[in-house]
Amino acid sequence: MEYRQLGRSGLRVSVLSLGTMTFGGAGNFAAVGHTDLDEARRILDRCLEAGVNLVDTADVYSDGASEEMVGEVTKGRREDVLLATKCRFPTEPGANGAGSSRHHILRSAEASLRRLGTSYIDLYQLHGWDGQTALEETLSTLDSLVKSGKVRYVGCSNYAAWQLMKALGTARQGGWEPFVSHQIYWSLLGRDAEVELVPAAIDQGLGILVWSPLAGGLLTGKYRRDRRPTSGARHLTDWGEPPIYDQAKAYDVIDAVVGVAEAHGAPPAQVALAWLLSRPGVTSAIIGARAEAQVKELLGAADLELSNDEKERLSSVSANPLPYPFWHQAKTVSDRLGTADRSLLGGR
């Protein structure tokens, strides 16, 4: 297993991390999976054996059940794992049960610590943007959690680039703990993040953690142009997160992934993950599984090496047109690109 630096922090994390959205299977997450405690323990066992050292969860996953299960299966081996969780979404009734206010963050952090059965959270992430709470309030509160020892690093998730830069600038101005990471959606079927978010993270020295690197399972190879989905499986038109806007292109990408996988004698999911891990700025891809067999298959991606031709084939078939001003920059200022610029313009 390879380990990469998480942004400008001194923390090293495995290139594959364990996501636990399937743990519990309650509330809004019932459709994602119903992994019970015994299966969750087996999944974590396989991940630790393979060298995974980061486990990602959130307070809203299965109404807190995911955090409780993570706490249970990490008992006796807490020092072997880095625990990442999140706050922002509704977890309590009432007007103050959501958001990034001091009130909600502090209540959420204490609740997560109890459910996880730990005295500290390694990476505490804002799960989404809150445009109605002053960043000074949010960031000073996160800073107080770090100073108290209850949180060691802070990050964000699902921010737009301007929101990210505003938060980093506000933290710098206030002398507060800055984000070390940004957790984003990125896959061969969703490359929007490459336009602004990836260059911003590279320029600012943030680690990139990727959620849904297999596009909700579409890149596993079980969804094909010439096959009807199995009973109970979703059609492409049913996808909401992440959404699929162009079915024909999606199937072209899947066909290319399957073709490369066949050449390697590997599962398509491993190819999709290996491509992502080769992209600029990626620190770790978060993999989730409903069962031990699934996670064992995915872990093989850490050792799969694609040729430059294979990576180019996958990049070409999945590429989006360059939006303005980037197509103009590619034509007019390509002689003076920086590292962050090249992550977009040089990767096309």
Foldseek 3Di string as FASTA:
>chain_A
DDWDDFFPDPDTFDQEAAEQLQDCLADPSVLLHHFYLVQVLLQVVLCVVLPGAEYEYECPRRLNRSLLSQLVSCPPPVVSHAYEYEFAQANDDDDPRGGQALVNVVVRLVSSCVSSVHQAHAEYEYEEDDPPDDLVRRQVSVQVCCVVRRYPAYAYEDYDLVVLVVNQVVCVVVVGGHHQAYEYADFLQDHPCLQRPQLSCVVNRGAYEHEPRCQSVLQQLQDAPPDDHDPPDDDLCPDVVVHHDDPVLSRVLSVLLVVQCVVVVAGSLLSRSLLVSPAPRHRHYHDYDNGNVVSSRNSCSSVDDDDPVSSVVSCVSSDDDRDPPLVVCLVPVPVDDDPSNCSRSVSD
